[in-house]
Amino acid sequence: MAASGDEGVIILFDVLKQEIYHSFDKSKHIKPCHGIAFSPTNEYLLCSGGLDAKIMFFDVVERKTIKEIKSHEPISCLSFYTDGVTIAAGTLSGNIYIYNLKDFKVKIVLKGH
């Protein structure tokens, strides 16, 4: 299980042992992190999005950062598509950015109201 919060820290929990598995340090997100998701096709891949407009990718087994994407706007939520290579990142303005993780580029922008 993973959690995040206003400090920008991403914490992984071992539910069976009821203890913290790992904590990614505060330097990963410099503002609150409001979105977090595990890949549906790769159990080792975790993604987070924050108000610092960064989308971060982590390897939960190696306990390291894999990639960082600088978004166009602060991220308020995110989700993986079932294919495991597409993510949707919602923003505070209501826009939704669809990214393809094969090249980490925006493929579609859905404009908010």
N, C-alpha and C. Protein backbone atom coordinates (compact mmCIF):
# COMPACT_ATOMS: atom_id res chain seq x y z
N MET A 1 0.85 -1.16 0.00
CA MET A 1 0.00 0.00 0.00
C MET A 1 0.90 1.23 0.00
N ALA A 2 0.42 2.30 -0.64
CA ALA A 2 1.18 3.55 -0.70
C ALA A 2 0.31 4.71 -0.28
N ALA A 3 0.94 5.74 0.27
CA ALA A 3 0.24 6.94 0.69
C ALA A 3 1.13 8.15 0.45
N SER A 4 0.49 9.29 0.32
CA SER A 4 1.22 10.54 0.16
C SER A 4 0.44 11.63 0.86
N GLY A 5 1.06 12.81 0.93
CA GLY A 5 0.36 13.87 1.63
C GLY A 5 0.93 15.24 1.37
N ASP A 6 0.59 16.16 2.24
CA ASP A 6 0.95 17.56 2.06
C ASP A 6 2.45 17.82 2.13
N GLU A 7 3.21 16.93 2.74
CA GLU A 7 4.65 17.12 2.84
C GLU A 7 5.38 16.71 1.56
N GLY A 8 4.69 16.04 0.63
CA GLY A 8 5.31 15.58 -0.61
C GLY A 8 6.01 14.24 -0.48
N VAL A 9 5.94 13.62 0.68
CA VAL A 9 6.60 12.33 0.92
C VAL A 9 5.71 11.20 0.42
N ILE A 10 6.31 10.19 -0.21
CA ILE A 10 5.61 8.98 -0.63
C ILE A 10 6.04 7.88 0.32
N ILE A 11 5.07 7.24 0.98
CA ILE A 11 5.37 6.19 1.95
C ILE A 11 4.75 4.88 1.48
N LEU A 12 5.56 3.82 1.49
CA LEU A 12 5.09 2.48 1.17
C LEU A 12 4.93 1.70 2.47
N PHE A 13 3.82 1.00 2.59
CA PHE A 13 3.54 0.21 3.79
C PHE A 13 3.49 -1.27 3.46
N ASP A 14 4.02 -2.10 4.35
CA ASP A 14 3.85 -3.54 4.30
C ASP A 14 2.63 -3.84 5.16
N VAL A 15 1.52 -4.14 4.53
CA VAL A 15 0.26 -4.33 5.24
C VAL A 15 0.30 -5.58 6.12
N LEU A 16 0.94 -6.63 5.66
CA LEU A 16 0.99 -7.87 6.45
C LEU A 16 1.79 -7.69 7.74
N LYS A 17 2.90 -6.98 7.64
CA LYS A 17 3.73 -6.73 8.83
C LYS A 17 3.27 -5.51 9.62
N GLN A 18 2.37 -4.73 9.03
CA GLN A 18 1.85 -3.51 9.64
C GLN A 18 2.98 -2.55 10.02
N GLU A 19 3.85 -2.29 9.01
CA GLU A 19 4.95 -1.37 9.23
C GLU A 19 5.30 -0.66 7.92
N ILE A 20 6.09 0.41 8.05
CA ILE A 20 6.54 1.14 6.86
C ILE A 20 7.59 0.30 6.14
N TYR A 21 7.40 0.12 4.82
CA TYR A 21 8.35 -0.61 3.98
C TYR A 21 9.46 0.32 3.51
N HIS A 22 9.06 1.52 3.05
CA HIS A 22 10.04 2.50 2.59
C HIS A 22 9.39 3.87 2.51
N SER A 23 10.18 4.91 2.69
CA SER A 23 9.71 6.28 2.55
C SER A 23 10.61 7.00 1.55
N PHE A 24 10.01 7.45 0.43
CA PHE A 24 10.78 8.24 -0.52
C PHE A 24 10.88 9.66 0.04
N ASP A 25 12.10 10.18 0.11
CA ASP A 25 12.33 11.43 0.82
C ASP A 25 11.59 12.63 0.22
N LYS A 26 11.54 13.68 1.00
CA LYS A 26 10.77 14.85 0.65
C LYS A 26 11.24 15.53 -0.63
N SER A 27 12.46 15.32 -1.04
CA SER A 27 12.97 15.99 -2.23
C SER A 27 12.30 15.52 -3.51
N LYS A 28 11.50 14.46 -3.44
CA LYS A 28 10.82 13.97 -4.63
C LYS A 28 9.70 14.91 -5.08
N HIS A 29 8.88 15.37 -4.15
CA HIS A 29 7.86 16.37 -4.44
C HIS A 29 8.09 17.54 -3.47
N ILE A 30 8.22 18.73 -4.01
CA ILE A 30 8.48 19.89 -3.15
C ILE A 30 7.20 20.58 -2.71
N LYS A 31 6.06 20.11 -3.21
CA LYS A 31 4.75 20.58 -2.78
C LYS A 31 3.88 19.35 -2.51
N PRO A 32 2.67 19.53 -2.00
CA PRO A 32 1.84 18.37 -1.69
C PRO A 32 1.64 17.43 -2.88
N CYS A 33 1.62 16.15 -2.59
CA CYS A 33 1.38 15.10 -3.58
C CYS A 33 -0.07 14.65 -3.44
N HIS A 34 -0.84 14.81 -4.51
CA HIS A 34 -2.27 14.51 -4.43
C HIS A 34 -2.69 13.30 -5.25
N GLY A 35 -1.78 12.73 -6.01
CA GLY A 35 -2.13 11.56 -6.81
C GLY A 35 -1.08 10.48 -6.69
N ILE A 36 -1.53 9.24 -6.56
CA ILE A 36 -0.61 8.12 -6.45
C ILE A 36 -1.30 6.88 -7.01
N ALA A 37 -0.55 6.08 -7.78
CA ALA A 37 -1.15 4.89 -8.39
C ALA A 37 -0.09 3.84 -8.69
N PHE A 38 -0.47 2.58 -8.53
CA PHE A 38 0.38 1.47 -8.94
C PHE A 38 0.00 1.07 -10.36
N SER A 39 0.99 0.63 -11.11
CA SER A 39 0.73 0.14 -12.46
C SER A 39 -0.10 -1.13 -12.40
N PRO A 40 -1.08 -1.28 -13.29
CA PRO A 40 -1.87 -2.51 -13.31
C PRO A 40 -1.15 -3.68 -13.97
N THR A 41 -0.03 -3.40 -14.65
CA THR A 41 0.69 -4.46 -15.35
C THR A 41 2.09 -4.72 -14.80
N ASN A 42 2.58 -3.85 -13.91
CA ASN A 42 3.92 -4.01 -13.35
C ASN A 42 3.84 -3.70 -11.86
N GLU A 43 3.83 -4.72 -11.05
CA GLU A 43 3.64 -4.54 -9.61
C GLU A 43 4.76 -3.77 -8.93
N TYR A 44 5.86 -3.54 -9.63
CA TYR A 44 6.99 -2.81 -9.05
C TYR A 44 6.96 -1.32 -9.37
N LEU A 45 6.03 -0.88 -10.24
CA LEU A 45 6.00 0.50 -10.70
C LEU A 45 4.93 1.30 -9.95
N LEU A 46 5.37 2.40 -9.34
CA LEU A 46 4.50 3.32 -8.63
C LEU A 46 4.65 4.69 -9.27
N CYS A 47 3.55 5.41 -9.39
CA CYS A 47 3.54 6.73 -10.00
C CYS A 47 2.90 7.72 -9.04
N SER A 48 3.44 8.93 -8.97
CA SER A 48 2.86 9.96 -8.11
C SER A 48 2.82 11.29 -8.85
N GLY A 49 1.83 12.10 -8.52
CA GLY A 49 1.71 13.42 -9.11
C GLY A 49 1.45 14.45 -8.04
N GLY A 50 2.04 15.63 -8.18
CA GLY A 50 1.91 16.62 -7.13
C GLY A 50 1.63 18.02 -7.62
N LEU A 51 1.39 18.89 -6.66
CA LEU A 51 1.13 20.29 -6.95
C LEU A 51 2.38 21.03 -7.44
N ASP A 52 3.53 20.36 -7.39
CA ASP A 52 4.76 20.92 -7.97
C ASP A 52 4.82 20.66 -9.48
N ALA A 53 3.74 20.12 -10.05
CA ALA A 53 3.62 19.81 -11.48
C ALA A 53 4.60 18.73 -11.93
N LYS A 54 5.01 17.86 -11.00
CA LYS A 54 5.88 16.75 -11.35
C LYS A 54 5.11 15.44 -11.26
N ILE A 55 5.40 14.56 -12.21
CA ILE A 55 4.91 13.18 -12.16
C ILE A 55 6.15 12.32 -11.98
N MET A 56 6.17 11.56 -10.89
CA MET A 56 7.35 10.76 -10.56
C MET A 56 7.02 9.28 -10.71
N PHE A 57 8.02 8.51 -11.13
CA PHE A 57 7.89 7.06 -11.26
C PHE A 57 8.94 6.41 -10.38
N PHE A 58 8.49 5.41 -9.62
CA PHE A 58 9.37 4.74 -8.65
C PHE A 58 9.37 3.23 -8.86
N ASP A 59 10.53 2.62 -8.64
CA ASP A 59 10.65 1.17 -8.55
C ASP A 59 10.55 0.84 -7.07
N VAL A 60 9.46 0.16 -6.68
CA VAL A 60 9.23 -0.07 -5.24
C VAL A 60 10.12 -1.17 -4.68
N VAL A 61 10.64 -2.06 -5.51
CA VAL A 61 11.54 -3.11 -5.03
C VAL A 61 12.95 -2.56 -4.85
N GLU A 62 13.44 -1.84 -5.86
CA GLU A 62 14.78 -1.24 -5.78
C GLU A 62 14.79 0.02 -4.91
N ARG A 63 13.58 0.52 -4.60
CA ARG A 63 13.42 1.71 -3.76
C ARG A 63 14.13 2.92 -4.34
N LYS A 64 13.89 3.16 -5.64
CA LYS A 64 14.54 4.29 -6.29
C LYS A 64 13.60 4.96 -7.28
N THR A 65 13.95 6.21 -7.60
CA THR A 65 13.21 6.96 -8.60
C THR A 65 13.67 6.52 -9.98
N ILE A 66 12.71 6.26 -10.86
CA ILE A 66 13.03 5.82 -12.22
C ILE A 66 13.02 6.98 -13.19
N LYS A 67 11.99 7.81 -13.09
CA LYS A 67 11.78 8.87 -14.08
C LYS A 67 10.99 10.00 -13.46
N GLU A 68 11.18 11.20 -13.98
CA GLU A 68 10.41 12.37 -13.58
C GLU A 68 9.92 13.08 -14.84
N ILE A 69 8.64 13.42 -14.86
CA ILE A 69 8.07 14.19 -15.95
C ILE A 69 7.64 15.54 -15.38
N LYS A 70 8.00 16.61 -16.04
CA LYS A 70 7.52 17.93 -15.66
C LYS A 70 6.24 18.19 -16.44
N SER A 71 5.14 18.31 -15.72
CA SER A 71 3.84 18.53 -16.35
C SER A 71 3.63 20.01 -16.65
N HIS A 72 2.58 20.30 -17.37
CA HIS A 72 2.24 21.67 -17.73
C HIS A 72 1.53 22.42 -16.61
N GLU A 73 0.92 21.67 -15.68
CA GLU A 73 0.13 22.27 -14.60
C GLU A 73 0.28 21.41 -13.34
N PRO A 74 -0.07 21.97 -12.18
CA PRO A 74 -0.07 21.17 -10.95
C PRO A 74 -1.03 19.98 -11.07
N ILE A 75 -0.59 18.82 -10.61
CA ILE A 75 -1.36 17.58 -10.71
C ILE A 75 -2.19 17.39 -9.44
N SER A 76 -3.49 17.13 -9.63
CA SER A 76 -4.36 16.90 -8.48
C SER A 76 -4.78 15.44 -8.36
N CYS A 77 -4.67 14.66 -9.44
CA CYS A 77 -4.99 13.23 -9.39
C CYS A 77 -4.38 12.56 -10.61
N LEU A 78 -4.21 11.24 -10.52
CA LEU A 78 -3.73 10.51 -11.69
C LEU A 78 -4.17 9.06 -11.62
N SER A 79 -4.15 8.43 -12.80
CA SER A 79 -4.59 7.04 -12.88
C SER A 79 -3.93 6.37 -14.07
N PHE A 80 -3.61 5.09 -13.90
CA PHE A 80 -3.13 4.27 -15.01
C PHE A 80 -4.31 3.74 -15.80
N TYR A 81 -4.16 3.65 -17.11
CA TYR A 81 -5.10 2.92 -17.94
C TYR A 81 -4.74 1.43 -17.81
N THR A 82 -5.65 0.54 -18.14
CA THR A 82 -5.42 -0.89 -17.97
C THR A 82 -4.26 -1.44 -18.79
N ASP A 83 -3.83 -0.72 -19.84
CA ASP A 83 -2.70 -1.20 -20.65
C ASP A 83 -1.36 -1.04 -19.95
N GLY A 84 -1.31 -0.25 -18.87
CA GLY A 84 -0.09 -0.07 -18.11
C GLY A 84 0.90 0.91 -18.71
N VAL A 85 0.64 1.44 -19.90
CA VAL A 85 1.55 2.38 -20.55
C VAL A 85 0.92 3.74 -20.78
N THR A 86 -0.30 3.92 -20.33
CA THR A 86 -1.00 5.19 -20.48
C THR A 86 -1.44 5.67 -19.10
N ILE A 87 -1.16 6.95 -18.82
CA ILE A 87 -1.66 7.53 -17.57
C ILE A 87 -2.44 8.80 -17.89
N ALA A 88 -3.42 9.06 -17.05
CA ALA A 88 -4.19 10.30 -17.11
C ALA A 88 -3.85 11.10 -15.87
N ALA A 89 -3.48 12.35 -16.07
CA ALA A 89 -3.15 13.24 -14.96
C ALA A 89 -4.13 14.40 -14.95
N GLY A 90 -4.93 14.49 -13.89
CA GLY A 90 -5.87 15.58 -13.74
C GLY A 90 -5.20 16.77 -13.06
N THR A 91 -5.62 17.98 -13.45
CA THR A 91 -4.99 19.18 -12.92
C THR A 91 -6.00 20.04 -12.14
N LEU A 92 -5.47 21.00 -11.41
CA LEU A 92 -6.32 21.89 -10.63
C LEU A 92 -7.27 22.71 -11.49
N SER A 93 -6.89 22.99 -12.74
CA SER A 93 -7.73 23.78 -13.63
C SER A 93 -8.82 22.95 -14.30
N GLY A 94 -8.78 21.63 -14.09
CA GLY A 94 -9.77 20.74 -14.70
C GLY A 94 -9.30 20.08 -15.97
N ASN A 95 -8.13 20.44 -16.46
CA ASN A 95 -7.59 19.78 -17.66
C ASN A 95 -7.08 18.40 -17.30
N ILE A 96 -7.14 17.50 -18.28
CA ILE A 96 -6.61 16.14 -18.11
C ILE A 96 -5.59 15.90 -19.20
N TYR A 97 -4.38 15.54 -18.79
CA TYR A 97 -3.30 15.25 -19.72
C TYR A 97 -3.13 13.73 -19.80
N ILE A 98 -3.16 13.21 -21.02
CA ILE A 98 -2.96 11.78 -21.25
C ILE A 98 -1.54 11.57 -21.75
N TYR A 99 -0.77 10.79 -21.01
CA TYR A 99 0.63 10.52 -21.35
C TYR A 99 0.80 9.08 -21.79
N ASN A 100 1.68 8.88 -22.77
CA ASN A 100 2.09 7.54 -23.18
C ASN A 100 3.46 7.31 -22.56
N LEU A 101 3.61 6.27 -21.77
CA LEU A 101 4.86 6.03 -21.06
C LEU A 101 5.95 5.42 -21.94
N LYS A 102 5.62 5.13 -23.18
CA LYS A 102 6.67 4.65 -24.09
C LYS A 102 7.63 5.77 -24.45
N ASP A 103 7.12 7.00 -24.53
CA ASP A 103 7.99 8.14 -24.82
C ASP A 103 7.82 9.28 -23.82
N PHE A 104 6.94 9.10 -22.82
CA PHE A 104 6.69 10.07 -21.76
C PHE A 104 6.23 11.43 -22.28
N LYS A 105 5.47 11.41 -23.37
CA LYS A 105 4.96 12.65 -23.95
C LYS A 105 3.44 12.71 -23.85
N VAL A 106 2.92 13.93 -23.84
CA VAL A 106 1.47 14.14 -23.82
C VAL A 106 0.90 13.74 -25.17
N LYS A 107 -0.12 12.90 -25.15
CA LYS A 107 -0.77 12.45 -26.38
C LYS A 107 -2.09 13.18 -26.62
N ILE A 108 -2.81 13.47 -25.53
CA ILE A 108 -4.11 14.12 -25.63
C ILE A 108 -4.26 15.07 -24.44
N VAL A 109 -4.87 16.22 -24.68
CA VAL A 109 -5.23 17.12 -23.59
C VAL A 109 -6.74 17.31 -23.65
N LEU A 110 -7.42 16.95 -22.57
CA LEU A 110 -8.86 17.15 -22.46
C LEU A 110 -9.06 18.42 -21.64
N LYS A 111 -9.65 19.42 -22.26
CA LYS A 111 -9.82 20.72 -21.61
C LYS A 111 -10.94 20.69 -20.58
N GLY A 112 -10.67 21.28 -19.42
CA GLY A 112 -11.67 21.38 -18.37
C GLY A 112 -12.65 22.50 -18.63
N HIS A 113 -13.66 22.58 -17.81
CA HIS A 113 -14.68 23.62 -17.97
C HIS A 113 -14.17 24.96 -17.49
